[in-house]
Amino acid sequence: MAKCEICGKGNMIGHNIRHKHSGLWEKRASKTLKIFKPNVHKGWVLMKGAVKRVTACASCLMQFRAPKKVKKAA
């Protein structure tokens, strides 16, 4: 299971509903399970003064991205 090591964002489950959502179709339409997966990538992150490689979602990677100068020194 893909999971962000920083914020803990993981898979979410919802319904994939076919047909339109009004009238009698709403009760008859098949509702199958759909898995929504987070946008997880590996990258270098600066946390607590140390640079380490983590598996994180895209929003966390943009927020905590390590500068290139620090990455080469570490």
PDB file of N, CA and C in Angstrom:
ATOM      1  N   MET A   1       0.835  -1.175   0.000  1.00  0.00           N
ATOM      2  CA  MET A   1       0.000   0.000   0.000  1.00  0.00           C
ATOM      3  C   MET A   1       0.881   1.239   0.000  1.00  0.00           C
ATOM      4  N   ALA A   2       0.614   2.163  -0.914  1.00  0.00           N
ATOM      5  CA  ALA A   2       1.356   3.412  -0.990  1.00  0.00           C
ATOM      6  C   ALA A   2       0.913   4.325   0.143  1.00  0.00           C
ATOM      7  N   LYS A   3       1.902   4.844   0.895  1.00  0.00           N
ATOM      8  CA  LYS A   3       1.572   5.703   2.029  1.00  0.00           C
ATOM      9  C   LYS A   3       2.649   6.759   2.184  1.00  0.00           C
ATOM     10  N   CYS A   4       2.241   7.983   2.482  1.00  0.00           N
ATOM     11  CA  CYS A   4       3.173   9.081   2.685  1.00  0.00           C
ATOM     12  C   CYS A   4       3.805   8.936   4.071  1.00  0.00           C
ATOM     13  N   GLU A   5       5.150   9.011   4.129  1.00  0.00           N
ATOM     14  CA  GLU A   5       5.851   8.874   5.404  1.00  0.00           C
ATOM     15  C   GLU A   5       5.774  10.139   6.245  1.00  0.00           C
ATOM     16  N   ILE A   6       5.400  11.272   5.652  1.00  0.00           N
ATOM     17  CA  ILE A   6       5.358  12.537   6.391  1.00  0.00           C
ATOM     18  C   ILE A   6       3.967  12.781   6.983  1.00  0.00           C
ATOM     19  N   CYS A   7       2.937  12.786   6.140  1.00  0.00           N
ATOM     20  CA  CYS A   7       1.590  13.113   6.626  1.00  0.00           C
ATOM     21  C   CYS A   7       0.721  11.887   6.857  1.00  0.00           C
ATOM     22  N   GLY A   8       1.128  10.715   6.380  1.00  0.00           N
ATOM     23  CA  GLY A   8       0.360   9.496   6.602  1.00  0.00           C
ATOM     24  C   GLY A   8      -0.784   9.284   5.623  1.00  0.00           C
ATOM     25  N   LYS A   9      -0.829  10.077   4.551  1.00  0.00           N
ATOM     26  CA  LYS A   9      -1.895   9.937   3.564  1.00  0.00           C
ATOM     27  C   LYS A   9      -1.782   8.573   2.891  1.00  0.00           C
ATOM     28  N   GLY A  10      -2.900   7.851   2.795  1.00  0.00           N
ATOM     29  CA  GLY A  10      -2.896   6.517   2.209  1.00  0.00           C
ATOM     30  C   GLY A  10      -4.074   6.310   1.284  1.00  0.00           C
ATOM     31  N   ASN A  11      -4.350   5.057   0.956  1.00  0.00           N
ATOM     32  CA  ASN A  11      -5.464   4.731   0.069  1.00  0.00           C
ATOM     33  C   ASN A  11      -6.786   5.086   0.723  1.00  0.00           C
ATOM     34  N   MET A  12      -7.730   5.564  -0.091  1.00  0.00           N
ATOM     35  CA  MET A  12      -9.085   5.844   0.371  1.00  0.00           C
ATOM     36  C   MET A  12     -10.042   5.069  -0.519  1.00  0.00           C
ATOM     37  N   ILE A  13     -11.163   4.651   0.052  1.00  0.00           N
ATOM     38  CA  ILE A  13     -12.139   3.876  -0.697  1.00  0.00           C
ATOM     39  C   ILE A  13     -13.408   4.695  -0.851  1.00  0.00           C
ATOM     40  N   GLY A  14     -13.969   4.674  -2.068  1.00  0.00           N
ATOM     41  CA  GLY A  14     -15.211   5.375  -2.342  1.00  0.00           C
ATOM     42  C   GLY A  14     -16.049   4.565  -3.300  1.00  0.00           C
ATOM     43  N   HIS A  15     -17.117   5.166  -3.793  1.00  0.00           N
ATOM     44  CA  HIS A  15     -18.003   4.480  -4.728  1.00  0.00           C
ATOM     45  C   HIS A  15     -17.790   4.992  -6.141  1.00  0.00           C
ATOM     46  N   ASN A  16     -17.795   4.080  -7.089  1.00  0.00           N
ATOM     47  CA  ASN A  16     -17.777   4.403  -8.503  1.00  0.00           C
ATOM     48  C   ASN A  16     -19.194   4.169  -8.997  1.00  0.00           C
ATOM     49  N   ILE A  17     -19.978   5.256  -9.137  1.00  0.00           N
ATOM     50  CA  ILE A  17     -21.397   5.137  -9.475  1.00  0.00           C
ATOM     51  C   ILE A  17     -21.591   5.327 -10.968  1.00  0.00           C
ATOM     52  N   ARG A  18     -22.269   4.380 -11.606  1.00  0.00           N
ATOM     53  CA  ARG A  18     -22.571   4.470 -13.027  1.00  0.00           C
ATOM     54  C   ARG A  18     -23.914   5.171 -13.227  1.00  0.00           C
ATOM     55  N   HIS A  19     -24.141   5.700 -14.387  1.00  0.00           N
ATOM     56  CA  HIS A  19     -25.382   6.370 -14.773  1.00  0.00           C
ATOM     57  C   HIS A  19     -25.494   7.746 -14.111  1.00  0.00           C
ATOM     58  N   LYS A  20     -26.570   8.420 -14.434  1.00  0.00           N
ATOM     59  CA  LYS A  20     -26.764   9.751 -13.863  1.00  0.00           C
ATOM     60  C   LYS A  20     -27.259   9.646 -12.421  1.00  0.00           C
ATOM     61  N   HIS A  21     -27.159  10.734 -11.684  1.00  0.00           N
ATOM     62  CA  HIS A  21     -27.447  10.718 -10.243  1.00  0.00           C
ATOM     63  C   HIS A  21     -28.826  11.266  -9.900  1.00  0.00           C
ATOM     64  N   SER A  22     -29.778  11.249 -10.809  1.00  0.00           N
ATOM     65  CA  SER A  22     -31.093  11.797 -10.488  1.00  0.00           C
ATOM     66  C   SER A  22     -32.183  10.780 -10.814  1.00  0.00           C
ATOM     67  N   GLY A  23     -33.325  10.967 -10.220  1.00  0.00           N
ATOM     68  CA  GLY A  23     -34.477  10.100 -10.506  1.00  0.00           C
ATOM     69  C   GLY A  23     -34.311   8.702  -9.945  1.00  0.00           C
ATOM     70  N   LEU A  24     -34.921   7.736 -10.617  1.00  0.00           N
ATOM     71  CA  LEU A  24     -34.891   6.354 -10.142  1.00  0.00           C
ATOM     72  C   LEU A  24     -33.547   5.681 -10.376  1.00  0.00           C
ATOM     73  N   TRP A  25     -32.712   6.220 -11.297  1.00  0.00           N
ATOM     74  CA  TRP A  25     -31.416   5.595 -11.565  1.00  0.00           C
ATOM     75  C   TRP A  25     -30.525   5.608 -10.335  1.00  0.00           C
ATOM     76  N   GLU A  26     -30.714   6.597  -9.471  1.00  0.00           N
ATOM     77  CA  GLU A  26     -29.851   6.715  -8.295  1.00  0.00           C
ATOM     78  C   GLU A  26     -29.959   5.468  -7.413  1.00  0.00           C
ATOM     79  N   LYS A  27     -31.141   4.884  -7.328  1.00  0.00           N
ATOM     80  CA  LYS A  27     -31.331   3.687  -6.508  1.00  0.00           C
ATOM     81  C   LYS A  27     -30.903   2.426  -7.236  1.00  0.00           C
ATOM     82  N   ARG A  28     -31.021   2.407  -8.577  1.00  0.00           N
ATOM     83  CA  ARG A  28     -30.735   1.207  -9.346  1.00  0.00           C
ATOM     84  C   ARG A  28     -29.296   1.104  -9.837  1.00  0.00           C
ATOM     85  N   ALA A  29     -28.608   2.233  -9.939  1.00  0.00           N
ATOM     86  CA  ALA A  29     -27.264   2.219 -10.526  1.00  0.00           C
ATOM     87  C   ALA A  29     -26.318   1.397  -9.656  1.00  0.00           C
ATOM     88  N   SER A  30     -25.467   0.629 -10.311  1.00  0.00           N
ATOM     89  CA  SER A  30     -24.524  -0.201  -9.553  1.00  0.00           C
ATOM     90  C   SER A  30     -23.446   0.677  -8.940  1.00  0.00           C
ATOM     91  N   LYS A  31     -23.130   0.429  -7.688  1.00  0.00           N
ATOM     92  CA  LYS A  31     -22.113   1.197  -6.971  1.00  0.00           C
ATOM     93  C   LYS A  31     -20.967   0.260  -6.611  1.00  0.00           C
ATOM     94  N   THR A  32     -19.927   0.262  -7.405  1.00  0.00           N
ATOM     95  CA  THR A  32     -18.779  -0.596  -7.144  1.00  0.00           C
ATOM     96  C   THR A  32     -17.732   0.195  -6.364  1.00  0.00           C
ATOM     97  N   LEU A  33     -16.876  -0.516  -5.655  1.00  0.00           N
ATOM     98  CA  LEU A  33     -15.836   0.144  -4.870  1.00  0.00           C
ATOM     99  C   LEU A  33     -14.715   0.640  -5.772  1.00  0.00           C
ATOM    100  N   LYS A  34     -14.203   1.815  -5.452  1.00  0.00           N
ATOM    101  CA  LYS A  34     -13.081   2.401  -6.182  1.00  0.00           C
ATOM    102  C   LYS A  34     -12.029   2.787  -5.162  1.00  0.00           C
ATOM    103  N   ILE A  35     -10.763   2.513  -5.480  1.00  0.00           N
ATOM    104  CA  ILE A  35      -9.660   2.863  -4.587  1.00  0.00           C
ATOM    105  C   ILE A  35      -8.984   4.113  -5.118  1.00  0.00           C
ATOM    106  N   PHE A  36      -8.951   5.152  -4.302  1.00  0.00           N
ATOM    107  CA  PHE A  36      -8.262   6.390  -4.633  1.00  0.00           C
ATOM    108  C   PHE A  36      -6.882   6.327  -4.005  1.00  0.00           C
ATOM    109  N   LYS A  37      -5.826   6.377  -4.834  1.00  0.00           N
ATOM    110  CA  LYS A  37      -4.463   6.250  -4.340  1.00  0.00           C
ATOM    111  C   LYS A  37      -3.785   7.615  -4.280  1.00  0.00           C
ATOM    112  N   PRO A  38      -2.907   7.851  -3.294  1.00  0.00           N
ATOM    113  CA  PRO A  38      -2.210   9.132  -3.203  1.00  0.00           C
ATOM    114  C   PRO A  38      -1.097   9.224  -4.240  1.00  0.00           C
ATOM    115  N   ASN A  39      -0.725  10.447  -4.584  1.00  0.00           N
ATOM    116  CA  ASN A  39       0.330  10.706  -5.553  1.00  0.00           C
ATOM    117  C   ASN A  39       1.674  10.633  -4.808  1.00  0.00           C
ATOM    118  N   VAL A  40       2.235   9.421  -4.683  1.00  0.00           N
ATOM    119  CA  VAL A  40       3.422   9.176  -3.855  1.00  0.00           C
ATOM    120  C   VAL A  40       4.671   9.029  -4.727  1.00  0.00           C
ATOM    121  N   HIS A  41       5.743   9.715  -4.321  1.00  0.00           N
ATOM    122  CA  HIS A  41       7.025   9.659  -5.017  1.00  0.00           C
ATOM    123  C   HIS A  41       8.147   9.575  -3.995  1.00  0.00           C
ATOM    124  N   LYS A  42       9.338   9.174  -4.456  1.00  0.00           N
ATOM    125  CA  LYS A  42      10.516   9.185  -3.593  1.00  0.00           C
ATOM    126  C   LYS A  42      11.282  10.471  -3.832  1.00  0.00           C
ATOM    127  N   GLY A  43      11.790  11.048  -2.761  1.00  0.00           N
ATOM    128  CA  GLY A  43      12.540  12.286  -2.911  1.00  0.00           C
ATOM    129  C   GLY A  43      13.341  12.599  -1.667  1.00  0.00           C
ATOM    130  N   TRP A  44      14.209  13.599  -1.795  1.00  0.00           N
ATOM    131  CA  TRP A  44      15.046  14.033  -0.679  1.00  0.00           C
ATOM    132  C   TRP A  44      14.329  15.129   0.075  1.00  0.00           C
ATOM    133  N   VAL A  45      14.297  14.989   1.410  1.00  0.00           N
ATOM    134  CA  VAL A  45      13.555  15.918   2.252  1.00  0.00           C
ATOM    135  C   VAL A  45      14.454  16.383   3.391  1.00  0.00           C
ATOM    136  N   LEU A  46      14.339  17.673   3.732  1.00  0.00           N
ATOM    137  CA  LEU A  46      15.079  18.245   4.853  1.00  0.00           C
ATOM    138  C   LEU A  46      14.167  18.254   6.069  1.00  0.00           C
ATOM    139  N   MET A  47      14.444  17.363   7.033  1.00  0.00           N
ATOM    140  CA  MET A  47      13.636  17.264   8.246  1.00  0.00           C
ATOM    141  C   MET A  47      14.536  17.282   9.466  1.00  0.00           C
ATOM    142  N   LYS A  48      14.241  18.168  10.400  1.00  0.00           N
ATOM    143  CA  LYS A  48      14.989  18.288  11.650  1.00  0.00           C
ATOM    144  C   LYS A  48      16.477  18.484  11.403  1.00  0.00           C
ATOM    145  N   GLY A  49      16.828  19.244  10.380  1.00  0.00           N
ATOM    146  CA  GLY A  49      18.220  19.553  10.084  1.00  0.00           C
ATOM    147  C   GLY A  49      18.982  18.466   9.346  1.00  0.00           C
ATOM    148  N   ALA A  50      18.353  17.357   9.045  1.00  0.00           N
ATOM    149  CA  ALA A  50      19.014  16.259   8.335  1.00  0.00           C
ATOM    150  C   ALA A  50      18.306  15.996   7.015  1.00  0.00           C
ATOM    151  N   VAL A  51      19.077  15.604   6.018  1.00  0.00           N
ATOM    152  CA  VAL A  51      18.519  15.278   4.710  1.00  0.00           C
ATOM    153  C   VAL A  51      18.382  13.767   4.613  1.00  0.00           C
ATOM    154  N   LYS A  52      17.171  13.321   4.278  1.00  0.00           N
ATOM    155  CA  LYS A  52      16.979  11.884   4.114  1.00  0.00           C
ATOM    156  C   LYS A  52      16.002  11.625   2.980  1.00  0.00           C
ATOM    157  N   ARG A  53      16.070  10.434   2.419  1.00  0.00           N
ATOM    158  CA  ARG A  53      15.211  10.042   1.305  1.00  0.00           C
ATOM    159  C   ARG A  53      13.955   9.389   1.856  1.00  0.00           C
ATOM    160  N   VAL A  54      12.798   9.878   1.450  1.00  0.00           N
ATOM    161  CA  VAL A  54      11.526   9.360   1.946  1.00  0.00           C
ATOM    162  C   VAL A  54      10.569   9.129   0.785  1.00  0.00           C
ATOM    163  N   THR A  55       9.540   8.345   1.061  1.00  0.00           N
ATOM    164  CA  THR A  55       8.434   8.170   0.138  1.00  0.00           C
ATOM    165  C   THR A  55       7.316   9.063   0.646  1.00  0.00           C
ATOM    166  N   ALA A  56       7.004  10.115  -0.129  1.00  0.00           N
ATOM    167  CA  ALA A  56       6.031  11.098   0.330  1.00  0.00           C
ATOM    168  C   ALA A  56       5.104  11.505  -0.805  1.00  0.00           C
ATOM    169  N   CYS A  57       3.946  12.049  -0.424  1.00  0.00           N
ATOM    170  CA  CYS A  57       3.013  12.538  -1.437  1.00  0.00           C
ATOM    171  C   CYS A  57       3.578  13.817  -2.056  1.00  0.00           C
ATOM    172  N   ALA A  58       3.063  14.174  -3.218  1.00  0.00           N
ATOM    173  CA  ALA A  58       3.608  15.301  -3.977  1.00  0.00           C
ATOM    174  C   ALA A  58       3.513  16.611  -3.209  1.00  0.00           C
ATOM    175  N   SER A  59       2.437  16.819  -2.461  1.00  0.00           N
ATOM    176  CA  SER A  59       2.285  18.068  -1.718  1.00  0.00           C
ATOM    177  C   SER A  59       3.317  18.171  -0.593  1.00  0.00           C
ATOM    178  N   CYS A  60       3.637  17.070   0.075  1.00  0.00           N
ATOM    179  CA  CYS A  60       4.653  17.085   1.128  1.00  0.00           C
ATOM    180  C   CYS A  60       6.050  17.263   0.534  1.00  0.00           C
ATOM    181  N   LEU A  61       6.314  16.659  -0.625  1.00  0.00           N
ATOM    182  CA  LEU A  61       7.618  16.812  -1.262  1.00  0.00           C
ATOM    183  C   LEU A  61       7.875  18.261  -1.637  1.00  0.00           C
ATOM    184  N   MET A  62       6.864  18.960  -2.146  1.00  0.00           N
ATOM    185  CA  MET A  62       7.041  20.371  -2.493  1.00  0.00           C
ATOM    186  C   MET A  62       7.261  21.215  -1.243  1.00  0.00           C
ATOM    187  N   GLN A  63       6.622  20.845  -0.161  1.00  0.00           N
ATOM    188  CA  GLN A  63       6.688  21.606   1.073  1.00  0.00           C
ATOM    189  C   GLN A  63       8.029  21.442   1.790  1.00  0.00           C
ATOM    190  N   PHE A  64       8.581  20.231   1.821  1.00  0.00           N
ATOM    191  CA  PHE A  64       9.794  19.939   2.600  1.00  0.00           C
ATOM    192  C   PHE A  64      11.004  19.608   1.743  1.00  0.00           C
ATOM    193  N   ARG A  65      10.991  19.959   0.457  1.00  0.00           N
ATOM    194  CA  ARG A  65      12.081  19.606  -0.461  1.00  0.00           C
ATOM    195  C   ARG A  65      13.413  20.169   0.026  1.00  0.00           C
ATOM    196  N   ALA A  66      14.458  19.338  -0.053  1.00  0.00           N
ATOM    197  CA  ALA A  66      15.798  19.754   0.382  1.00  0.00           C
ATOM    198  C   ALA A  66      16.469  20.554  -0.717  1.00  0.00           C
ATOM    199  N   PRO A  67      17.159  21.643  -0.368  1.00  0.00           N
ATOM    200  CA  PRO A  67      17.906  22.401  -1.378  1.00  0.00           C
ATOM    201  C   PRO A  67      19.019  21.542  -1.983  1.00  0.00           C
ATOM    202  N   LYS A  68      19.373  21.810  -3.244  1.00  0.00           N
ATOM    203  CA  LYS A  68      20.375  20.988  -3.934  1.00  0.00           C
ATOM    204  C   LYS A  68      21.751  21.107  -3.289  1.00  0.00           C
ATOM    205  N   LYS A  69      22.100  22.276  -2.751  1.00  0.00           N
ATOM    206  CA  LYS A  69      23.408  22.456  -2.119  1.00  0.00           C
ATOM    207  C   LYS A  69      23.546  21.576  -0.887  1.00  0.00           C
ATOM    208  N   VAL A  70      22.491  21.461  -0.106  1.00  0.00           N
ATOM    209  CA  VAL A  70      22.511  20.641   1.109  1.00  0.00           C
ATOM    210  C   VAL A  70      22.600  19.172   0.741  1.00  0.00           C
ATOM    211  N   LYS A  71      21.928  18.782  -0.348  1.00  0.00           N
ATOM    212  CA  LYS A  71      21.897  17.381  -0.751  1.00  0.00           C
ATOM    213  C   LYS A  71      23.296  16.863  -1.106  1.00  0.00           C
ATOM    214  N   LYS A  72      24.107  17.698  -1.784  1.00  0.00           N
ATOM    215  CA  LYS A  72      25.441  17.268  -2.180  1.00  0.00           C
ATOM    216  C   LYS A  72      26.364  17.149  -0.976  1.00  0.00           C
ATOM    217  N   ALA A  73      26.202  18.007   0.017  1.00  0.00           N
ATOM    218  CA  ALA A  73      27.069  17.995   1.192  1.00  0.00           C
ATOM    219  C   ALA A  73      26.782  16.799   2.087  1.00  0.00           C
ATOM    220  N   ALA A  74      25.550  16.339   2.097  1.00  0.00           N
ATOM    221  CA  ALA A  74      25.178  15.244   2.995  1.00  0.00           C
ATOM    222  C   ALA A  74      25.558  13.929   2.482  1.00  0.00           C
TER     223      ALA A  74
END
